Structure formats: structure tokens, C-alpha cells
PDB file of N, CA and C in Angstrom:
ATOM      1  N   MET A   1     -12.463  11.972  10.613  1.00  0.00           N
ATOM      2  CA  MET A   1     -11.891  11.007  11.523  1.00  0.00           C
ATOM      3  C   MET A   1     -11.404   9.799  10.713  1.00  0.00           C
ATOM      4  N   PRO A   2     -10.160   9.375  10.933  1.00  0.00           N
ATOM      5  CA  PRO A   2      -9.612   8.247  10.180  1.00  0.00           C
ATOM      6  C   PRO A   2     -10.353   6.946  10.479  1.00  0.00           C
ATOM      7  N   THR A   3     -10.398   6.102   9.484  1.00  0.00           N
ATOM      8  CA  THR A   3     -10.965   4.768   9.634  1.00  0.00           C
ATOM      9  C   THR A   3      -9.836   3.761   9.555  1.00  0.00           C
ATOM     10  N   ARG A   4      -9.877   2.753  10.381  1.00  0.00           N
ATOM     11  CA  ARG A   4      -8.840   1.726  10.408  1.00  0.00           C
ATOM     12  C   ARG A   4      -9.365   0.477   9.711  1.00  0.00           C
ATOM     13  N   TYR A   5      -8.557  -0.060   8.797  1.00  0.00           N
ATOM     14  CA  TYR A   5      -8.876  -1.297   8.101  1.00  0.00           C
ATOM     15  C   TYR A   5      -7.838  -2.357   8.455  1.00  0.00           C
ATOM     16  N   THR A   6      -8.239  -3.593   8.390  1.00  0.00           N
ATOM     17  CA  THR A   6      -7.328  -4.706   8.610  1.00  0.00           C
ATOM     18  C   THR A   6      -7.468  -5.673   7.455  1.00  0.00           C
ATOM     19  N   PHE A   7      -6.355  -6.154   6.937  1.00  0.00           N
ATOM     20  CA  PHE A   7      -6.410  -7.173   5.908  1.00  0.00           C
ATOM     21  C   PHE A   7      -5.230  -8.119   6.077  1.00  0.00           C
ATOM     22  N   VAL A   8      -5.317  -9.260   5.455  1.00  0.00           N
ATOM     23  CA  VAL A   8      -4.311 -10.305   5.588  1.00  0.00           C
ATOM     24  C   VAL A   8      -3.595 -10.466   4.250  1.00  0.00           C
ATOM     25  N   CYS A   9      -2.265 -10.519   4.295  1.00  0.00           N
ATOM     26  CA  CYS A   9      -1.449 -10.704   3.091  1.00  0.00           C
ATOM     27  C   CYS A   9      -0.826 -12.090   3.101  1.00  0.00           C
ATOM     28  N   ASP A  10      -0.601 -12.629   1.912  1.00  0.00           N
ATOM     29  CA  ASP A  10       0.129 -13.888   1.844  1.00  0.00           C
ATOM     30  C   ASP A  10       1.616 -13.608   2.086  1.00  0.00           C
ATOM     31  N   ASP A  11       2.391 -14.673   2.236  1.00  0.00           N
ATOM     32  CA  ASP A  11       3.806 -14.526   2.582  1.00  0.00           C
ATOM     33  C   ASP A  11       4.593 -13.744   1.534  1.00  0.00           C
ATOM     34  N   GLU A  12       4.284 -13.952   0.262  1.00  0.00           N
ATOM     35  CA  GLU A  12       5.010 -13.255  -0.798  1.00  0.00           C
ATOM     36  C   GLU A  12       4.779 -11.749  -0.715  1.00  0.00           C
ATOM     37  N   HIS A  13       3.526 -11.336  -0.535  1.00  0.00           N
ATOM     38  CA  HIS A  13       3.240  -9.904  -0.413  1.00  0.00           C
ATOM     39  C   HIS A  13       3.875  -9.325   0.848  1.00  0.00           C
ATOM     40  N   THR A  14       3.855 -10.102   1.919  1.00  0.00           N
ATOM     41  CA  THR A  14       4.464  -9.642   3.165  1.00  0.00           C
ATOM     42  C   THR A  14       5.944  -9.369   2.968  1.00  0.00           C
ATOM     43  N   ARG A  15       6.638 -10.268   2.307  1.00  0.00           N
ATOM     44  CA  ARG A  15       8.074 -10.071   2.040  1.00  0.00           C
ATOM     45  C   ARG A  15       8.301  -8.834   1.175  1.00  0.00           C
ATOM     46  N   ASP A  16       7.455  -8.633   0.167  1.00  0.00           N
ATOM     47  CA  ASP A  16       7.583  -7.455  -0.694  1.00  0.00           C
ATOM     48  C   ASP A  16       7.386  -6.166   0.099  1.00  0.00           C
ATOM     49  N   ILE A  17       6.389  -6.152   0.955  1.00  0.00           N
ATOM     50  CA  ILE A  17       6.104  -4.965   1.771  1.00  0.00           C
ATOM     51  C   ILE A  17       7.255  -4.692   2.726  1.00  0.00           C
ATOM     52  N   GLU A  18       7.758  -5.725   3.374  1.00  0.00           N
ATOM     53  CA  GLU A  18       8.888  -5.554   4.285  1.00  0.00           C
ATOM     54  C   GLU A  18      10.132  -5.071   3.546  1.00  0.00           C
ATOM     55  N   ARG A  19      10.375  -5.591   2.346  1.00  0.00           N
ATOM     56  CA  ARG A  19      11.528  -5.182   1.546  1.00  0.00           C
ATOM     57  C   ARG A  19      11.415  -3.710   1.150  1.00  0.00           C
ATOM     58  N   LEU A  20      10.233  -3.313   0.668  1.00  0.00           N
ATOM     59  CA  LEU A  20      10.031  -1.917   0.291  1.00  0.00           C
ATOM     60  C   LEU A  20      10.225  -0.986   1.487  1.00  0.00           C
ATOM     61  N   ALA A  21       9.731  -1.380   2.621  1.00  0.00           N
ATOM     62  CA  ALA A  21       9.890  -0.555   3.827  1.00  0.00           C
ATOM     63  C   ALA A  21      11.361  -0.415   4.188  1.00  0.00           C
ATOM     64  N   ARG A  22      12.071  -1.513   4.166  1.00  0.00           N
ATOM     65  CA  ARG A  22      13.493  -1.502   4.509  1.00  0.00           C
ATOM     66  C   ARG A  22      14.296  -0.661   3.510  1.00  0.00           C
ATOM     67  N   GLU A  23      14.042  -0.863   2.215  1.00  0.00           N
ATOM     68  CA  GLU A  23      14.780  -0.135   1.179  1.00  0.00           C
ATOM     69  C   GLU A  23      14.527   1.361   1.218  1.00  0.00           C
ATOM     70  N   ASN A  24      13.343   1.760   1.668  1.00  0.00           N
ATOM     71  CA  ASN A  24      12.967   3.176   1.669  1.00  0.00           C
ATOM     72  C   ASN A  24      12.966   3.794   3.059  1.00  0.00           C
ATOM     73  N   ASN A  25      13.411   3.004   4.041  1.00  0.00           N
ATOM     74  CA  ASN A  25      13.531   3.489   5.422  1.00  0.00           C
ATOM     75  C   ASN A  25      12.214   4.080   5.942  1.00  0.00           C
ATOM     76  N   VAL A  26      11.130   3.351   5.680  1.00  0.00           N
ATOM     77  CA  VAL A  26       9.809   3.727   6.190  1.00  0.00           C
ATOM     78  C   VAL A  26       9.178   2.500   6.840  1.00  0.00           C
ATOM     79  N   THR A  27       8.066   2.704   7.492  1.00  0.00           N
ATOM     80  CA  THR A  27       7.363   1.585   8.124  1.00  0.00           C
ATOM     81  C   THR A  27       6.565   0.798   7.091  1.00  0.00           C
ATOM     82  N   GLU A  28       6.204  -0.406   7.468  1.00  0.00           N
ATOM     83  CA  GLU A  28       5.330  -1.203   6.610  1.00  0.00           C
ATOM     84  C   GLU A  28       3.993  -0.506   6.417  1.00  0.00           C
ATOM     85  N   GLU A  29       3.513   0.166   7.453  1.00  0.00           N
ATOM     86  CA  GLU A  29       2.248   0.891   7.359  1.00  0.00           C
ATOM     87  C   GLU A  29       2.329   1.988   6.308  1.00  0.00           C
ATOM     88  N   GLU A  30       3.474   2.676   6.253  1.00  0.00           N
ATOM     89  CA  GLU A  30       3.653   3.733   5.252  1.00  0.00           C
ATOM     90  C   GLU A  30       3.697   3.145   3.846  1.00  0.00           C
ATOM     91  N   VAL A  31       4.353   2.010   3.686  1.00  0.00           N
ATOM     92  CA  VAL A  31       4.371   1.340   2.386  1.00  0.00           C
ATOM     93  C   VAL A  31       2.946   1.024   1.955  1.00  0.00           C
ATOM     94  N   LEU A  32       2.159   0.450   2.851  1.00  0.00           N
ATOM     95  CA  LEU A  32       0.777   0.101   2.521  1.00  0.00           C
ATOM     96  C   LEU A  32      -0.044   1.337   2.182  1.00  0.00           C
ATOM     97  N   ARG A  33       0.135   2.411   2.939  1.00  0.00           N
ATOM     98  CA  ARG A  33      -0.605   3.648   2.667  1.00  0.00           C
ATOM     99  C   ARG A  33      -0.278   4.162   1.266  1.00  0.00           C
ATOM    100  N   GLN A  34       1.005   4.150   0.924  1.00  0.00           N
ATOM    101  CA  GLN A  34       1.406   4.645  -0.392  1.00  0.00           C
ATOM    102  C   GLN A  34       0.908   3.736  -1.508  1.00  0.00           C
ATOM    103  N   LEU A  35       0.950   2.434  -1.299  1.00  0.00           N
ATOM    104  CA  LEU A  35       0.443   1.504  -2.309  1.00  0.00           C
ATOM    105  C   LEU A  35      -1.053   1.694  -2.539  1.00  0.00           C
ATOM    106  N   ILE A  36      -1.790   1.887  -1.459  1.00  0.00           N
ATOM    107  CA  ILE A  36      -3.238   2.115  -1.579  1.00  0.00           C
ATOM    108  C   ILE A  36      -3.500   3.433  -2.304  1.00  0.00           C
ATOM    109  N   ASP A  37      -2.777   4.492  -1.911  1.00  0.00           N
ATOM    110  CA  ASP A  37      -2.943   5.794  -2.583  1.00  0.00           C
ATOM    111  C   ASP A  37      -2.654   5.674  -4.079  1.00  0.00           C
ATOM    112  N   LEU A  38      -1.566   4.994  -4.419  1.00  0.00           N
ATOM    113  CA  LEU A  38      -1.199   4.824  -5.829  1.00  0.00           C
ATOM    114  C   LEU A  38      -2.263   4.034  -6.579  1.00  0.00           C
ATOM    115  N   GLY A  39      -2.715   2.936  -5.988  1.00  0.00           N
ATOM    116  CA  GLY A  39      -3.738   2.120  -6.634  1.00  0.00           C
ATOM    117  C   GLY A  39      -5.040   2.869  -6.841  1.00  0.00           C
ATOM    118  N   LEU A  40      -5.476   3.612  -5.844  1.00  0.00           N
ATOM    119  CA  LEU A  40      -6.715   4.379  -5.972  1.00  0.00           C
ATOM    120  C   LEU A  40      -6.561   5.486  -7.014  1.00  0.00           C
ATOM    121  N   SER A  41      -5.391   6.118  -7.071  1.00  0.00           N
ATOM    122  CA  SER A  41      -5.150   7.153  -8.078  1.00  0.00           C
ATOM    123  C   SER A  41      -5.224   6.565  -9.479  1.00  0.00           C
ATOM    124  N   GLN A  42      -4.645   5.392  -9.671  1.00  0.00           N
ATOM    125  CA  GLN A  42      -4.678   4.756 -10.986  1.00  0.00           C
ATOM    126  C   GLN A  42      -6.101   4.381 -11.382  1.00  0.00           C
ATOM    127  N   ILE A  43      -6.869   3.882 -10.441  1.00  0.00           N
ATOM    128  CA  ILE A  43      -8.269   3.543 -10.726  1.00  0.00           C
ATOM    129  C   ILE A  43      -9.037   4.793 -11.116  1.00  0.00           C
ATOM    130  N   ASN A  44      -8.853   5.870 -10.378  1.00  0.00           N
ATOM    131  CA  ASN A  44      -9.537   7.123 -10.689  1.00  0.00           C
ATOM    132  C   ASN A  44      -9.133   7.642 -12.063  1.00  0.00           C
ATOM    133  N   GLU A  45      -7.856   7.534 -12.417  1.00  0.00           N
ATOM    134  CA  GLU A  45      -7.381   7.976 -13.733  1.00  0.00           C
ATOM    135  C   GLU A  45      -8.026   7.150 -14.846  1.00  0.00           C
ATOM    136  N   GLN A  46      -8.165   5.854 -14.652  1.00  0.00           N
ATOM    137  CA  GLN A  46      -8.728   4.969 -15.668  1.00  0.00           C
ATOM    138  C   GLN A  46     -10.198   5.268 -15.916  1.00  0.00           C
ATOM    139  N   HIS A  47     -10.895   5.759 -14.914  1.00  0.00           N
ATOM    140  CA  HIS A  47     -12.338   6.002 -15.053  1.00  0.00           C
ATOM    141  C   HIS A  47     -12.658   7.413 -15.535  1.00  0.00           C
ATOM    142  N   ARG A  48     -11.632   8.240 -15.711  1.00  0.00           N
ATOM    143  CA  ARG A  48     -11.842   9.576 -16.280  1.00  0.00           C
ATOM    144  C   ARG A  48     -11.827   9.470 -17.783  1.00  0.00           C
ATOM    145  N   ILE A  49     -12.815  10.051 -18.398  1.00  0.00           N
ATOM    146  CA  ILE A  49     -12.878  10.020 -19.867  1.00  0.00           C
ATOM    147  C   ILE A  49     -12.974  11.426 -20.395  1.00  0.00           C
TER     148      ILE A  49
END
């Protein structure tokens, strides 16, 4: 079952998220999902030895 999280972004991050969504014709939610997936993947890669 999915879990819902809420967080607050500053204005600069908000503009970046909106720009990425517009440029890629996706929702802001999709941009955030992809950014989180990418960040978690990078963290996991860094901890593999």
C-alpha cells in the first residue's frame, strides 16, 4: 500500500520543479517521484562496496 508524504519547498525549488514538469510535459508530482527515485538510487550506489 502506498504511503503519502508531504514536504515544503522553497520558492527556488518550486520554480525548478514547475519548469522541469513543463519542459517534460509531466506533472509536478511525477517530477518529484523521479527526483526521489534518482536520489535514492544514487545513495544506494554510493553505499555499495
